[in-house]
Amino acid sequence: MGADGDGPISPKEAESLIDSEVRAGMFRDLVTQELLTDQKGLVAFTPESKTIARDVVRRHRLAERLLRDVLTMEAAQIDSAACRLEHVITSDVEGAICTLLGHPKPVRTARRSQGPLL
């Protein structure tokens, strides 16, 4: 639907609609799975979802270090490749990567101001 509610819409409008529907569906799923709580319009992580989120962030950052330090990938490619890898790295593989990297210490960077690198 266009701005008038009829007819075709721009790709940007379609993307916005799809994104909002996907986000709403994901939110409902996370609440149903008791990974997020909706408290009077505010969203909160549960203890379990905090652990899951920390693990995903750690796997992502280990993947970034592996791609940068060992595989010497170009910086522009590292984040998207790490995003894909973080979802398939098992705890055994995570441990092996950590060992290979020499158990890197947590590092804060301007890009990672939300928390430690590892």
N, C-alpha and C. Protein backbone atom coordinates (compact mmCIF):
# COMPACT_ATOMS: atom_id res chain seq x y z
N MET A 1 0.84 -1.18 0.00
CA MET A 1 0.00 0.00 0.00
C MET A 1 0.88 1.24 0.00
N GLY A 2 0.52 2.20 -0.79
CA GLY A 2 1.25 3.45 -0.84
C GLY A 2 0.86 4.34 0.31
N ALA A 3 1.32 5.57 0.25
CA ALA A 3 1.03 6.53 1.32
C ALA A 3 -0.46 6.72 1.50
N ASP A 4 -1.23 6.53 0.42
CA ASP A 4 -2.67 6.71 0.51
C ASP A 4 -3.40 5.42 0.93
N GLY A 5 -2.62 4.36 1.23
CA GLY A 5 -3.22 3.11 1.66
C GLY A 5 -3.58 2.20 0.52
N ASP A 6 -3.28 2.61 -0.70
CA ASP A 6 -3.61 1.83 -1.89
C ASP A 6 -2.39 1.76 -2.80
N GLY A 7 -2.30 0.73 -3.60
CA GLY A 7 -1.26 0.67 -4.61
C GLY A 7 0.09 0.21 -4.09
N PRO A 8 1.05 0.24 -4.99
CA PRO A 8 2.38 -0.26 -4.65
C PRO A 8 3.11 0.66 -3.67
N ILE A 9 4.10 0.09 -3.01
CA ILE A 9 4.91 0.86 -2.08
C ILE A 9 6.38 0.75 -2.48
N SER A 10 7.17 1.63 -1.98
CA SER A 10 8.60 1.62 -2.30
C SER A 10 9.28 0.45 -1.61
N PRO A 11 10.43 0.05 -2.14
CA PRO A 11 11.18 -1.02 -1.47
C PRO A 11 11.51 -0.65 -0.02
N LYS A 12 11.83 0.62 0.22
CA LYS A 12 12.15 1.05 1.59
C LYS A 12 10.94 0.89 2.51
N GLU A 13 9.75 1.25 2.01
CA GLU A 13 8.52 1.08 2.81
C GLU A 13 8.26 -0.40 3.07
N ALA A 14 8.46 -1.23 2.06
CA ALA A 14 8.25 -2.67 2.22
C ALA A 14 9.22 -3.23 3.24
N GLU A 15 10.48 -2.81 3.16
CA GLU A 15 11.49 -3.28 4.10
C GLU A 15 11.12 -2.88 5.52
N SER A 16 10.64 -1.66 5.68
CA SER A 16 10.24 -1.17 7.00
C SER A 16 9.09 -1.99 7.56
N LEU A 17 8.09 -2.29 6.72
CA LEU A 17 6.95 -3.09 7.16
C LEU A 17 7.38 -4.51 7.54
N ILE A 18 8.22 -5.10 6.70
CA ILE A 18 8.68 -6.46 6.97
C ILE A 18 9.50 -6.47 8.25
N ASP A 19 10.43 -5.50 8.38
CA ASP A 19 11.25 -5.44 9.57
C ASP A 19 10.41 -5.32 10.83
N SER A 20 9.39 -4.46 10.80
CA SER A 20 8.58 -4.27 12.00
C SER A 20 7.78 -5.53 12.31
N GLU A 21 7.29 -6.21 11.29
CA GLU A 21 6.56 -7.47 11.50
C GLU A 21 7.50 -8.55 12.05
N VAL A 22 8.69 -8.62 11.49
CA VAL A 22 9.65 -9.62 11.96
C VAL A 22 10.03 -9.33 13.41
N ARG A 23 10.31 -8.05 13.71
CA ARG A 23 10.67 -7.70 15.08
C ARG A 23 9.54 -8.02 16.05
N ALA A 24 8.33 -7.70 15.67
CA ALA A 24 7.18 -7.98 16.55
C ALA A 24 7.03 -9.48 16.78
N GLY A 25 7.19 -10.26 15.72
CA GLY A 25 7.10 -11.72 15.84
C GLY A 25 8.22 -12.29 16.69
N MET A 26 9.42 -11.77 16.50
CA MET A 26 10.55 -12.23 17.31
C MET A 26 10.33 -11.90 18.78
N PHE A 27 9.84 -10.69 19.03
CA PHE A 27 9.58 -10.28 20.41
C PHE A 27 8.55 -11.21 21.06
N ARG A 28 7.44 -11.47 20.34
CA ARG A 28 6.40 -12.37 20.88
C ARG A 28 6.99 -13.75 21.17
N ASP A 29 7.83 -14.26 20.25
CA ASP A 29 8.44 -15.57 20.45
C ASP A 29 9.34 -15.57 21.68
N LEU A 30 10.13 -14.53 21.86
CA LEU A 30 11.04 -14.47 23.00
C LEU A 30 10.27 -14.35 24.32
N VAL A 31 9.15 -13.64 24.32
CA VAL A 31 8.32 -13.54 25.52
C VAL A 31 7.68 -14.91 25.80
N THR A 32 7.16 -15.57 24.76
CA THR A 32 6.55 -16.89 24.90
C THR A 32 7.55 -17.90 25.45
N GLN A 33 8.80 -17.80 24.99
CA GLN A 33 9.85 -18.72 25.46
C GLN A 33 10.42 -18.30 26.82
N GLU A 34 9.86 -17.23 27.38
CA GLU A 34 10.29 -16.69 28.67
C GLU A 34 11.75 -16.28 28.68
N LEU A 35 12.20 -15.73 27.53
CA LEU A 35 13.55 -15.19 27.44
C LEU A 35 13.56 -13.68 27.60
N LEU A 36 12.41 -13.06 27.37
CA LEU A 36 12.21 -11.63 27.61
C LEU A 36 10.92 -11.47 28.39
N THR A 37 10.86 -10.42 29.17
CA THR A 37 9.62 -10.10 29.84
C THR A 37 9.17 -8.72 29.41
N ASP A 38 7.90 -8.55 29.28
CA ASP A 38 7.31 -7.26 28.94
C ASP A 38 6.66 -6.73 30.21
N GLN A 39 7.29 -5.74 30.80
CA GLN A 39 6.81 -5.19 32.06
C GLN A 39 6.35 -3.76 31.86
N LYS A 40 5.05 -3.60 31.66
CA LYS A 40 4.46 -2.28 31.47
C LYS A 40 5.15 -1.50 30.35
N GLY A 41 5.36 -2.19 29.23
CA GLY A 41 5.96 -1.54 28.07
C GLY A 41 7.48 -1.51 28.08
N LEU A 42 8.09 -2.03 29.13
CA LEU A 42 9.55 -2.10 29.19
C LEU A 42 9.98 -3.55 29.00
N VAL A 43 11.05 -3.75 28.27
CA VAL A 43 11.54 -5.09 27.99
C VAL A 43 12.70 -5.40 28.92
N ALA A 44 12.70 -6.59 29.49
CA ALA A 44 13.79 -7.01 30.37
C ALA A 44 14.24 -8.41 29.98
N PHE A 45 15.54 -8.64 30.07
CA PHE A 45 16.10 -9.97 29.86
C PHE A 45 15.84 -10.80 31.11
N THR A 46 15.65 -12.09 30.90
CA THR A 46 15.59 -13.02 32.01
C THR A 46 17.02 -13.47 32.30
N PRO A 47 17.27 -14.08 33.45
CA PRO A 47 18.63 -14.58 33.72
C PRO A 47 19.12 -15.54 32.62
N GLU A 48 18.24 -16.40 32.14
CA GLU A 48 18.63 -17.35 31.08
C GLU A 48 19.00 -16.61 29.80
N SER A 49 18.20 -15.60 29.42
CA SER A 49 18.50 -14.89 28.16
C SER A 49 19.76 -14.06 28.28
N LYS A 50 20.08 -13.57 29.48
CA LYS A 50 21.35 -12.85 29.67
C LYS A 50 22.53 -13.78 29.41
N THR A 51 22.42 -15.00 29.90
CA THR A 51 23.49 -15.98 29.69
C THR A 51 23.62 -16.31 28.21
N ILE A 52 22.50 -16.53 27.54
CA ILE A 52 22.52 -16.83 26.11
C ILE A 52 23.14 -15.66 25.34
N ALA A 53 22.73 -14.45 25.66
CA ALA A 53 23.26 -13.26 24.96
C ALA A 53 24.76 -13.13 25.17
N ARG A 54 25.22 -13.31 26.40
CA ARG A 54 26.67 -13.23 26.68
C ARG A 54 27.44 -14.27 25.88
N ASP A 55 26.89 -15.49 25.80
CA ASP A 55 27.56 -16.56 25.06
C ASP A 55 27.64 -16.23 23.57
N VAL A 56 26.57 -15.69 23.01
CA VAL A 56 26.57 -15.32 21.58
C VAL A 56 27.59 -14.22 21.33
N VAL A 57 27.61 -13.21 22.19
CA VAL A 57 28.57 -12.11 22.04
C VAL A 57 30.00 -12.64 22.14
N ARG A 58 30.24 -13.53 23.08
CA ARG A 58 31.58 -14.10 23.22
C ARG A 58 31.98 -14.88 21.97
N ARG A 59 31.08 -15.71 21.45
CA ARG A 59 31.40 -16.47 20.24
C ARG A 59 31.65 -15.53 19.06
N HIS A 60 30.86 -14.45 18.98
CA HIS A 60 31.06 -13.47 17.90
C HIS A 60 32.45 -12.84 18.01
N ARG A 61 32.81 -12.45 19.19
CA ARG A 61 34.10 -11.77 19.37
C ARG A 61 35.27 -12.73 19.18
N LEU A 62 35.13 -13.97 19.59
CA LEU A 62 36.16 -14.97 19.30
C LEU A 62 36.27 -15.20 17.80
N ALA A 63 35.13 -15.26 17.13
CA ALA A 63 35.15 -15.42 15.67
C ALA A 63 35.84 -14.23 15.01
N GLU A 64 35.57 -13.02 15.48
CA GLU A 64 36.24 -11.84 14.93
C GLU A 64 37.75 -11.96 15.09
N ARG A 65 38.20 -12.36 16.28
CA ARG A 65 39.64 -12.49 16.52
C ARG A 65 40.25 -13.58 15.64
N LEU A 66 39.55 -14.69 15.49
CA LEU A 66 40.03 -15.77 14.63
C LEU A 66 40.18 -15.29 13.19
N LEU A 67 39.15 -14.62 12.71
CA LEU A 67 39.15 -14.13 11.33
C LEU A 67 40.24 -13.08 11.11
N ARG A 68 40.42 -12.22 12.09
CA ARG A 68 41.42 -11.15 11.96
C ARG A 68 42.84 -11.65 12.20
N ASP A 69 43.04 -12.32 13.33
CA ASP A 69 44.40 -12.66 13.77
C ASP A 69 44.97 -13.89 13.09
N VAL A 70 44.15 -14.88 12.83
CA VAL A 70 44.64 -16.14 12.27
C VAL A 70 44.43 -16.21 10.76
N LEU A 71 43.24 -15.88 10.32
CA LEU A 71 42.93 -15.98 8.89
C LEU A 71 43.22 -14.70 8.12
N THR A 72 43.59 -13.65 8.83
CA THR A 72 43.95 -12.34 8.26
C THR A 72 42.97 -11.85 7.19
N MET A 73 41.71 -11.92 7.50
CA MET A 73 40.68 -11.42 6.59
C MET A 73 40.70 -9.90 6.59
N GLU A 74 40.19 -9.34 5.52
CA GLU A 74 40.06 -7.89 5.44
C GLU A 74 39.06 -7.41 6.48
N ALA A 75 39.35 -6.27 7.09
CA ALA A 75 38.52 -5.73 8.16
C ALA A 75 37.06 -5.58 7.74
N ALA A 76 36.82 -5.18 6.51
CA ALA A 76 35.46 -4.94 6.03
C ALA A 76 34.61 -6.22 6.00
N GLN A 77 35.25 -7.37 5.96
CA GLN A 77 34.52 -8.65 5.87
C GLN A 77 34.34 -9.34 7.21
N ILE A 78 35.07 -8.91 8.20
CA ILE A 78 35.12 -9.65 9.47
C ILE A 78 33.79 -9.69 10.20
N ASP A 79 33.11 -8.57 10.36
CA ASP A 79 31.89 -8.55 11.16
C ASP A 79 30.81 -9.45 10.57
N SER A 80 30.58 -9.36 9.27
CA SER A 80 29.51 -10.19 8.68
C SER A 80 29.87 -11.67 8.73
N ALA A 81 31.14 -12.01 8.54
CA ALA A 81 31.55 -13.41 8.63
C ALA A 81 31.41 -13.90 10.07
N ALA A 82 31.79 -13.06 11.04
CA ALA A 82 31.67 -13.43 12.46
C ALA A 82 30.21 -13.63 12.84
N CYS A 83 29.32 -12.81 12.27
CA CYS A 83 27.88 -12.96 12.54
C CYS A 83 27.39 -14.34 12.12
N ARG A 84 27.86 -14.81 10.98
CA ARG A 84 27.44 -16.13 10.53
C ARG A 84 28.07 -17.23 11.38
N LEU A 85 29.33 -17.07 11.73
CA LEU A 85 30.04 -18.10 12.51
C LEU A 85 29.51 -18.24 13.93
N GLU A 86 29.13 -17.13 14.55
CA GLU A 86 28.74 -17.18 15.97
C GLU A 86 27.61 -18.17 16.23
N HIS A 87 26.81 -18.44 15.21
CA HIS A 87 25.65 -19.32 15.38
C HIS A 87 25.96 -20.79 15.20
N VAL A 88 27.15 -21.10 14.69
CA VAL A 88 27.49 -22.51 14.47
C VAL A 88 28.66 -22.96 15.33
N ILE A 89 29.23 -22.07 16.12
CA ILE A 89 30.33 -22.44 17.00
C ILE A 89 29.77 -23.13 18.25
N THR A 90 30.15 -24.39 18.43
CA THR A 90 29.73 -25.13 19.62
C THR A 90 30.65 -24.78 20.78
N SER A 91 30.29 -25.21 21.98
CA SER A 91 31.13 -24.90 23.15
C SER A 91 32.51 -25.54 23.01
N ASP A 92 32.59 -26.74 22.41
CA ASP A 92 33.89 -27.38 22.19
C ASP A 92 34.74 -26.56 21.23
N VAL A 93 34.13 -26.11 20.15
CA VAL A 93 34.84 -25.30 19.16
C VAL A 93 35.23 -23.95 19.78
N GLU A 94 34.33 -23.39 20.58
CA GLU A 94 34.63 -22.13 21.27
C GLU A 94 35.89 -22.29 22.12
N GLY A 95 35.97 -23.38 22.87
CA GLY A 95 37.14 -23.62 23.69
C GLY A 95 38.40 -23.79 22.87
N ALA A 96 38.29 -24.49 21.74
CA ALA A 96 39.45 -24.70 20.88
C ALA A 96 39.93 -23.38 20.27
N ILE A 97 38.98 -22.53 19.85
CA ILE A 97 39.35 -21.22 19.29
C ILE A 97 40.02 -20.38 20.37
N CYS A 98 39.47 -20.40 21.56
CA CYS A 98 40.04 -19.64 22.66
C CYS A 98 41.48 -20.10 22.94
N THR A 99 41.70 -21.41 22.94
CA THR A 99 43.04 -21.95 23.15
C THR A 99 43.97 -21.53 22.01
N LEU A 100 43.50 -21.65 20.78
CA LEU A 100 44.30 -21.26 19.61
C LEU A 100 44.72 -19.79 19.69
N LEU A 101 43.81 -18.96 20.18
CA LEU A 101 44.09 -17.51 20.28
C LEU A 101 44.90 -17.16 21.53
N GLY A 102 45.21 -18.15 22.36
CA GLY A 102 45.98 -17.89 23.56
C GLY A 102 45.17 -17.30 24.70
N HIS A 103 43.89 -17.65 24.76
CA HIS A 103 42.99 -17.16 25.80
C HIS A 103 43.07 -15.63 25.95
N PRO A 104 42.62 -14.93 24.91
CA PRO A 104 42.74 -13.46 24.93
C PRO A 104 41.98 -12.84 26.10
N LYS A 105 42.53 -11.79 26.62
CA LYS A 105 41.92 -11.06 27.73
C LYS A 105 40.80 -10.17 27.20
N PRO A 106 39.83 -9.87 28.05
CA PRO A 106 38.79 -8.92 27.64
C PRO A 106 39.40 -7.56 27.30
N VAL A 107 38.93 -6.97 26.22
CA VAL A 107 39.43 -5.67 25.78
C VAL A 107 38.25 -4.80 25.41
N ARG A 108 38.26 -3.57 25.87
CA ARG A 108 37.23 -2.62 25.45
C ARG A 108 37.76 -1.80 24.28
N THR A 109 36.91 -1.59 23.32
CA THR A 109 37.27 -0.72 22.20
C THR A 109 36.17 0.30 22.05
N ALA A 110 36.43 1.32 21.27
CA ALA A 110 35.40 2.33 21.04
C ALA A 110 34.16 1.69 20.43
N ARG A 111 34.37 0.74 19.50
CA ARG A 111 33.26 0.07 18.85
C ARG A 111 32.50 -0.82 19.82
N ARG A 112 33.19 -1.34 20.81
CA ARG A 112 32.60 -2.28 21.76
C ARG A 112 32.41 -1.65 23.12
N SER A 113 31.95 -0.43 23.17
CA SER A 113 31.82 0.28 24.44
C SER A 113 30.77 -0.33 25.35
N GLN A 114 29.96 -1.24 24.83
CA GLN A 114 28.92 -1.87 25.63
C GLN A 114 29.46 -2.94 26.57
N GLY A 115 30.67 -3.41 26.34
CA GLY A 115 31.20 -4.47 27.18
C GLY A 115 32.54 -4.93 26.72
N PRO A 116 33.11 -5.91 27.43
CA PRO A 116 34.44 -6.40 27.08
C PRO A 116 34.44 -7.14 25.74
N LEU A 117 35.60 -7.14 25.09
CA LEU A 117 35.73 -7.81 23.80
C LEU A 117 35.49 -9.30 23.93
N LEU A 118 36.00 -9.91 24.96
CA LEU A 118 35.82 -11.36 25.15
C LEU A 118 35.38 -11.64 26.56
